[in-house]
């Protein structure tokens, strides 16, 4: 697998927000979202075997692991890596876009899928595979990154049409300015959680390792 970095930090997004986590950031992504905050992971990185990656993860002595990117599921060995991490007792969150099929993901209580549905401002909403939403369960999460009113209305429509069985996360682009989004969610009675990107509140826009 081509890996940009393996590092330990605080989970900044979603249901595991605030949890010390080892991040495996893969290189490469088939999408080019307008607001992407990790373009450095498009092509840089080193080739590592799944055993090499697991060995690096183990040095941190941390239970929770997040496989992120880039787009981790675009790499053919990602499923093998996920299974190895689960087999040795890690809890794993896989951060993925809605553009990659989820039907081959392992079924394990320690695995959580955090899947984006890209909104219109991303420029990539036409690549989403909406059948993936049906594969998400109570331990998973469906995330929308909201830039403007059109994105918010798009997210509302998707939530209403597909009625996801998982938790729904709404996060503003940039991850910090929550007030306008929170007020819309309250006004509309939308069933979703408005969450920041905690790592950006703590460290700003510093590059990760």
C-alpha atoms as a PDB file:
ATOM      1  CA  UNK A   1       0.000   0.000   0.000  1.00  0.00           C
ATOM      2  CA  UNK A   2       1.113   3.555  -0.625  1.00  0.00           C
ATOM      3  CA  UNK A   3       1.089   5.385   2.717  1.00  0.00           C
ATOM      4  CA  UNK A   4       1.524   9.099   3.288  1.00  0.00           C
ATOM      5  CA  UNK A   5       1.909   8.894   7.072  1.00  0.00           C
ATOM      6  CA  UNK A   6       1.226   6.936  10.257  1.00  0.00           C
ATOM      7  CA  UNK A   7       0.829   9.135  13.329  1.00  0.00           C
ATOM      8  CA  UNK A   8      -0.941   9.466  16.662  1.00  0.00           C
ATOM      9  CA  UNK A   9      -3.304  12.358  17.368  1.00  0.00           C
ATOM     10  CA  UNK A  10      -6.788  13.201  18.617  1.00  0.00           C
ATOM     11  CA  UNK A  11      -9.718  12.089  16.469  1.00  0.00           C
ATOM     12  CA  UNK A  12     -11.088  15.390  15.246  1.00  0.00           C
ATOM     13  CA  UNK A  13     -14.293  14.290  13.522  1.00  0.00           C
ATOM     14  CA  UNK A  14     -17.433  12.252  13.993  1.00  0.00           C
ATOM     15  CA  UNK A  15     -18.611  10.038  16.821  1.00  0.00           C
ATOM     16  CA  UNK A  16     -15.095   9.288  18.110  1.00  0.00           C
ATOM     17  CA  UNK A  17     -14.202  12.977  18.410  1.00  0.00           C
ATOM     18  CA  UNK A  18     -11.599  13.632  21.111  1.00  0.00           C
ATOM     19  CA  UNK A  19     -10.328  10.040  21.252  1.00  0.00           C
ATOM     20  CA  UNK A  20      -6.554   9.379  21.057  1.00  0.00           C
ATOM     21  CA  UNK A  21      -6.155   7.539  17.765  1.00  0.00           C
ATOM     22  CA  UNK A  22      -3.456   6.204  15.460  1.00  0.00           C
ATOM     23  CA  UNK A  23      -4.077   7.475  11.934  1.00  0.00           C
ATOM     24  CA  UNK A  24      -2.990   5.616   8.822  1.00  0.00           C
ATOM     25  CA  UNK A  25      -3.175   8.151   6.008  1.00  0.00           C
ATOM     26  CA  UNK A  26      -3.088   6.482   2.621  1.00  0.00           C
ATOM     27  CA  UNK A  27      -1.917   8.191  -0.563  1.00  0.00           C
ATOM     28  CA  UNK A  28      -4.066   8.717  -3.615  1.00  0.00           C
ATOM     29  CA  UNK A  29      -7.706   9.644  -4.179  1.00  0.00           C
ATOM     30  CA  UNK A  30      -9.987   9.402  -7.234  1.00  0.00           C
ATOM     31  CA  UNK A  31     -11.820  12.595  -6.190  1.00  0.00           C
ATOM     32  CA  UNK A  32     -10.707  16.224  -6.296  1.00  0.00           C
ATOM     33  CA  UNK A  33     -13.001  18.044  -3.880  1.00  0.00           C
ATOM     34  CA  UNK A  34     -12.715  21.824  -4.082  1.00  0.00           C
ATOM     35  CA  UNK A  35     -12.208  22.144  -0.314  1.00  0.00           C
ATOM     36  CA  UNK A  36      -9.854  19.169   0.163  1.00  0.00           C
ATOM     37  CA  UNK A  37      -7.616  19.770   3.190  1.00  0.00           C
ATOM     38  CA  UNK A  38      -5.132  16.966   2.477  1.00  0.00           C
ATOM     39  CA  UNK A  39      -3.956  17.509  -1.139  1.00  0.00           C
ATOM     40  CA  UNK A  40      -0.460  16.543   0.014  1.00  0.00           C
ATOM     41  CA  UNK A  41      -1.697  12.943   0.125  1.00  0.00           C
ATOM     42  CA  UNK A  42      -2.690  12.825  -3.556  1.00  0.00           C
ATOM     43  CA  UNK A  43       0.601  11.353  -4.728  1.00  0.00           C
ATOM     44  CA  UNK A  44       3.309  11.509  -2.055  1.00  0.00           C
ATOM     45  CA  UNK A  45       4.044   8.509   0.131  1.00  0.00           C
ATOM     46  CA  UNK A  46       5.971   5.261   0.501  1.00  0.00           C
ATOM     47  CA  UNK A  47       5.104   1.686  -0.350  1.00  0.00           C
ATOM     48  CA  UNK A  48       4.548  -0.429   2.768  1.00  0.00           C
ATOM     49  CA  UNK A  49       3.230  -3.953   3.269  1.00  0.00           C
ATOM     50  CA  UNK A  50       0.230  -4.454   5.537  1.00  0.00           C
ATOM     51  CA  UNK A  51       2.572  -6.118   8.064  1.00  0.00           C
ATOM     52  CA  UNK A  52       4.864  -3.064   8.030  1.00  0.00           C
ATOM     53  CA  UNK A  53       1.892  -0.774   8.642  1.00  0.00           C
ATOM     54  CA  UNK A  54       0.598  -2.903  11.520  1.00  0.00           C
ATOM     55  CA  UNK A  55       4.068  -2.890  13.071  1.00  0.00           C
ATOM     56  CA  UNK A  56       4.153   0.920  12.991  1.00  0.00           C
ATOM     57  CA  UNK A  57       0.664   1.133  14.477  1.00  0.00           C
ATOM     58  CA  UNK A  58       1.660  -1.192  17.315  1.00  0.00           C
ATOM     59  CA  UNK A  59       4.499   1.118  18.430  1.00  0.00           C
ATOM     60  CA  UNK A  60       1.910   3.641  19.639  1.00  0.00           C
ATOM     61  CA  UNK A  61       0.163   1.259  22.051  1.00  0.00           C
ATOM     62  CA  UNK A  62      -3.214   2.795  21.188  1.00  0.00           C
ATOM     63  CA  UNK A  63      -6.471   0.853  20.816  1.00  0.00           C
ATOM     64  CA  UNK A  64      -8.242   3.053  18.271  1.00  0.00           C
ATOM     65  CA  UNK A  65      -7.062   3.239  14.674  1.00  0.00           C
ATOM     66  CA  UNK A  66      -8.387   5.381  11.824  1.00  0.00           C
ATOM     67  CA  UNK A  67      -7.723   4.485   8.198  1.00  0.00           C
ATOM     68  CA  UNK A  68      -8.035   7.688   6.216  1.00  0.00           C
ATOM     69  CA  UNK A  69      -6.652   9.368   3.134  1.00  0.00           C
ATOM     70  CA  UNK A  70      -6.724  10.252   0.435  1.00  0.00           C
ATOM     71  CA  UNK A  71      -9.159   7.451  -0.192  1.00  0.00           C
ATOM     72  CA  UNK A  72      -8.079   4.272   1.625  1.00  0.00           C
ATOM     73  CA  UNK A  73     -10.544   1.958  -0.124  1.00  0.00           C
ATOM     74  CA  UNK A  74      -9.052   2.822  -3.510  1.00  0.00           C
ATOM     75  CA  UNK A  75      -6.060   0.646  -2.564  1.00  0.00           C
ATOM     76  CA  UNK A  76      -6.460  -3.075  -3.182  1.00  0.00           C
ATOM     77  CA  UNK A  77      -4.829  -4.177   0.088  1.00  0.00           C
ATOM     78  CA  UNK A  78      -6.943  -1.964   2.334  1.00  0.00           C
ATOM     79  CA  UNK A  79      -9.409  -4.732   3.256  1.00  0.00           C
ATOM     80  CA  UNK A  80      -6.554  -7.039   4.212  1.00  0.00           C
ATOM     81  CA  UNK A  81      -5.060  -4.317   6.427  1.00  0.00           C
ATOM     82  CA  UNK A  82      -8.401  -3.628   8.095  1.00  0.00           C
ATOM     83  CA  UNK A  83      -8.876  -7.315   8.886  1.00  0.00           C
ATOM     84  CA  UNK A  84      -5.365  -7.613  10.364  1.00  0.00           C
ATOM     85  CA  UNK A  85      -5.981  -4.641  12.650  1.00  0.00           C
ATOM     86  CA  UNK A  86      -9.302  -6.094  13.798  1.00  0.00           C
ATOM     87  CA  UNK A  87      -7.769  -9.534  14.379  1.00  0.00           C
ATOM     88  CA  UNK A  88      -5.223  -8.151  16.849  1.00  0.00           C
ATOM     89  CA  UNK A  89      -7.868  -6.276  18.830  1.00  0.00           C
ATOM     90  CA  UNK A  90      -7.926  -2.746  17.446  1.00  0.00           C
ATOM     91  CA  UNK A  91     -11.099  -0.746  17.012  1.00  0.00           C
ATOM     92  CA  UNK A  92     -11.008   0.656  13.478  1.00  0.00           C
ATOM     93  CA  UNK A  93     -12.716   3.628  11.853  1.00  0.00           C
ATOM     94  CA  UNK A  94     -12.499   3.764   8.056  1.00  0.00           C
ATOM     95  CA  UNK A  95     -12.991   7.228   6.583  1.00  0.00           C
ATOM     96  CA  UNK A  96     -14.172   6.945   3.000  1.00  0.00           C
ATOM     97  CA  UNK A  97     -16.079   8.876   0.389  1.00  0.00           C
ATOM     98  CA  UNK A  98     -19.370   7.698  -1.018  1.00  0.00           C
ATOM     99  CA  UNK A  99     -17.673   6.931  -4.329  1.00  0.00           C
ATOM    100  CA  UNK A 100     -16.260   3.488  -3.431  1.00  0.00           C
ATOM    101  CA  UNK A 101     -18.470   0.375  -2.985  1.00  0.00           C
ATOM    102  CA  UNK A 102     -18.738  -0.882   0.600  1.00  0.00           C
ATOM    103  CA  UNK A 103     -20.162  -4.340  -0.083  1.00  0.00           C
ATOM    104  CA  UNK A 104     -16.891  -6.176   0.658  1.00  0.00           C
ATOM    105  CA  UNK A 105     -16.174  -4.527   4.005  1.00  0.00           C
ATOM    106  CA  UNK A 106     -15.647  -6.924   6.941  1.00  0.00           C
ATOM    107  CA  UNK A 107     -18.559  -7.471   9.312  1.00  0.00           C
ATOM    108  CA  UNK A 108     -17.127  -6.813  12.775  1.00  0.00           C
ATOM    109  CA  UNK A 109     -18.411  -5.006  15.837  1.00  0.00           C
ATOM    110  CA  UNK A 110     -15.066  -3.203  16.220  1.00  0.00           C
ATOM    111  CA  UNK A 111     -15.280  -1.694  12.721  1.00  0.00           C
ATOM    112  CA  UNK A 112     -17.008   1.615  12.010  1.00  0.00           C
ATOM    113  CA  UNK A 113     -17.462   3.213   8.607  1.00  0.00           C
ATOM    114  CA  UNK A 114     -17.387   7.004   8.391  1.00  0.00           C
ATOM    115  CA  UNK A 115     -18.677   7.756   4.902  1.00  0.00           C
ATOM    116  CA  UNK A 116     -18.983  11.139   3.232  1.00  0.00           C
ATOM    117  CA  UNK A 117     -21.664  12.085   0.788  1.00  0.00           C
ATOM    118  CA  UNK A 118     -20.073  14.881  -1.199  1.00  0.00           C
ATOM    119  CA  UNK A 119     -22.305  17.947  -1.520  1.00  0.00           C
ATOM    120  CA  UNK A 120     -22.529  20.184  -4.626  1.00  0.00           C
ATOM    121  CA  UNK A 121     -19.810  22.623  -3.505  1.00  0.00           C
ATOM    122  CA  UNK A 122     -17.297  19.765  -3.558  1.00  0.00           C
ATOM    123  CA  UNK A 123     -17.660  19.428  -7.325  1.00  0.00           C
ATOM    124  CA  UNK A 124     -17.859  15.642  -6.892  1.00  0.00           C
ATOM    125  CA  UNK A 125     -21.494  14.982  -5.956  1.00  0.00           C
ATOM    126  CA  UNK A 126     -22.085  13.200  -9.273  1.00  0.00           C
ATOM    127  CA  UNK A 127     -19.712  10.379  -8.281  1.00  0.00           C
ATOM    128  CA  UNK A 128     -21.590   9.244  -5.172  1.00  0.00           C
ATOM    129  CA  UNK A 129     -22.873   5.650  -4.894  1.00  0.00           C
ATOM    130  CA  UNK A 130     -26.081   6.068  -2.920  1.00  0.00           C
ATOM    131  CA  UNK A 131     -26.595   2.310  -2.523  1.00  0.00           C
ATOM    132  CA  UNK A 132     -23.771   2.502   0.034  1.00  0.00           C
ATOM    133  CA  UNK A 133     -26.109   4.254   2.471  1.00  0.00           C
ATOM    134  CA  UNK A 134     -28.170   1.066   2.785  1.00  0.00           C
ATOM    135  CA  UNK A 135     -25.030  -0.776   3.942  1.00  0.00           C
ATOM    136  CA  UNK A 136     -24.403   1.557   6.887  1.00  0.00           C
ATOM    137  CA  UNK A 137     -25.598   0.384  10.293  1.00  0.00           C
ATOM    138  CA  UNK A 138     -25.925   1.685  13.856  1.00  0.00           C
ATOM    139  CA  UNK A 139     -22.158   1.717  14.518  1.00  0.00           C
ATOM    140  CA  UNK A 140     -21.419   3.708  11.341  1.00  0.00           C
ATOM    141  CA  UNK A 141     -21.781   7.370  10.421  1.00  0.00           C
ATOM    142  CA  UNK A 142     -22.798   9.340   7.346  1.00  0.00           C
ATOM    143  CA  UNK A 143     -21.081  12.708   7.048  1.00  0.00           C
ATOM    144  CA  UNK A 144     -21.915  15.844   5.062  1.00  0.00           C
ATOM    145  CA  UNK A 145     -19.436  18.717   4.770  1.00  0.00           C
ATOM    146  CA  UNK A 146     -21.520  21.871   4.335  1.00  0.00           C
ATOM    147  CA  UNK A 147     -20.253  24.967   2.533  1.00  0.00           C
ATOM    148  CA  UNK A 148     -23.446  26.916   1.799  1.00  0.00           C
ATOM    149  CA  UNK A 149     -27.238  26.826   1.678  1.00  0.00           C
ATOM    150  CA  UNK A 150     -27.290  24.646  -1.439  1.00  0.00           C
ATOM    151  CA  UNK A 151     -25.139  22.031   0.320  1.00  0.00           C
ATOM    152  CA  UNK A 152     -27.444  22.088   3.329  1.00  0.00           C
ATOM    153  CA  UNK A 153     -30.571  21.605   1.222  1.00  0.00           C
ATOM    154  CA  UNK A 154     -28.833  18.786  -0.665  1.00  0.00           C
ATOM    155  CA  UNK A 155     -27.955  17.058   2.630  1.00  0.00           C
ATOM    156  CA  UNK A 156     -31.548  17.424   3.861  1.00  0.00           C
ATOM    157  CA  UNK A 157     -32.837  15.840   0.649  1.00  0.00           C
ATOM    158  CA  UNK A 158     -30.461  12.876   0.887  1.00  0.00           C
ATOM    159  CA  UNK A 159     -31.301  12.283   4.556  1.00  0.00           C
ATOM    160  CA  UNK A 160     -35.037  12.433   3.830  1.00  0.00           C
ATOM    161  CA  UNK A 161     -34.849  10.178   0.778  1.00  0.00           C
ATOM    162  CA  UNK A 162     -32.547   7.472   2.154  1.00  0.00           C
ATOM    163  CA  UNK A 163     -33.413   7.614   5.881  1.00  0.00           C
ATOM    164  CA  UNK A 164     -30.004   6.303   6.975  1.00  0.00           C
ATOM    165  CA  UNK A 165     -29.869   3.740   9.804  1.00  0.00           C
ATOM    166  CA  UNK A 166     -26.602   5.224  11.063  1.00  0.00           C
ATOM    167  CA  UNK A 167     -25.741   8.479  12.806  1.00  0.00           C
ATOM    168  CA  UNK A 168     -25.663  11.580  10.585  1.00  0.00           C
ATOM    169  CA  UNK A 169     -22.885  14.143  11.016  1.00  0.00           C
ATOM    170  CA  UNK A 170     -22.979  17.675   9.583  1.00  0.00           C
ATOM    171  CA  UNK A 171     -19.760  19.674   9.617  1.00  0.00           C
ATOM    172  CA  UNK A 172     -19.066  23.107   8.129  1.00  0.00           C
ATOM    173  CA  UNK A 173     -16.268  23.427   5.576  1.00  0.00           C
ATOM    174  CA  UNK A 174     -13.192  24.359   7.580  1.00  0.00           C
ATOM    175  CA  UNK A 175     -14.636  22.657  10.625  1.00  0.00           C
ATOM    176  CA  UNK A 176     -14.853  25.703  12.889  1.00  0.00           C
ATOM    177  CA  UNK A 177     -17.778  28.062  12.177  1.00  0.00           C
ATOM    178  CA  UNK A 178     -20.688  26.107  13.623  1.00  0.00           C
ATOM    179  CA  UNK A 179     -23.309  28.714  14.513  1.00  0.00           C
ATOM    180  CA  UNK A 180     -25.123  29.132  11.173  1.00  0.00           C
ATOM    181  CA  UNK A 181     -25.253  25.399  10.515  1.00  0.00           C
ATOM    182  CA  UNK A 182     -26.385  24.630  14.062  1.00  0.00           C
ATOM    183  CA  UNK A 183     -29.200  27.183  13.840  1.00  0.00           C
ATOM    184  CA  UNK A 184     -30.443  25.693  10.558  1.00  0.00           C
ATOM    185  CA  UNK A 185     -30.471  22.186  11.996  1.00  0.00           C
ATOM    186  CA  UNK A 186     -32.406  23.356  15.055  1.00  0.00           C
ATOM    187  CA  UNK A 187     -34.883  25.385  12.975  1.00  0.00           C
ATOM    188  CA  UNK A 188     -35.613  22.455  10.650  1.00  0.00           C
ATOM    189  CA  UNK A 189     -35.620  19.727  13.307  1.00  0.00           C
ATOM    190  CA  UNK A 190     -33.065  17.810  11.260  1.00  0.00           C
ATOM    191  CA  UNK A 191     -31.933  14.526  12.812  1.00  0.00           C
ATOM    192  CA  UNK A 192     -28.193  14.955  12.710  1.00  0.00           C
ATOM    193  CA  UNK A 193     -25.253  16.022  14.852  1.00  0.00           C
ATOM    194  CA  UNK A 194     -23.476  19.320  14.171  1.00  0.00           C
ATOM    195  CA  UNK A 195     -19.829  18.749  14.986  1.00  0.00           C
ATOM    196  CA  UNK A 196     -16.590  20.703  14.518  1.00  0.00           C
ATOM    197  CA  UNK A 197     -13.266  19.407  13.323  1.00  0.00           C
ATOM    198  CA  UNK A 198     -11.668  19.360  16.754  1.00  0.00           C
ATOM    199  CA  UNK A 199      -8.101  19.043  15.507  1.00  0.00           C
ATOM    200  CA  UNK A 200      -8.475  22.352  13.668  1.00  0.00           C
ATOM    201  CA  UNK A 201      -9.748  24.067  16.808  1.00  0.00           C
ATOM    202  CA  UNK A 202      -6.716  22.747  18.694  1.00  0.00           C
ATOM    203  CA  UNK A 203      -3.929  23.039  16.121  1.00  0.00           C
ATOM    204  CA  UNK A 204      -5.361  25.188  13.332  1.00  0.00           C
ATOM    205  CA  UNK A 205      -4.478  24.175   9.780  1.00  0.00           C
ATOM    206  CA  UNK A 206      -1.121  22.621  10.622  1.00  0.00           C
ATOM    207  CA  UNK A 207      -0.089  19.804   8.306  1.00  0.00           C
ATOM    208  CA  UNK A 208      -0.254  16.353   9.883  1.00  0.00           C
ATOM    209  CA  UNK A 209       2.682  14.007   9.895  1.00  0.00           C
END
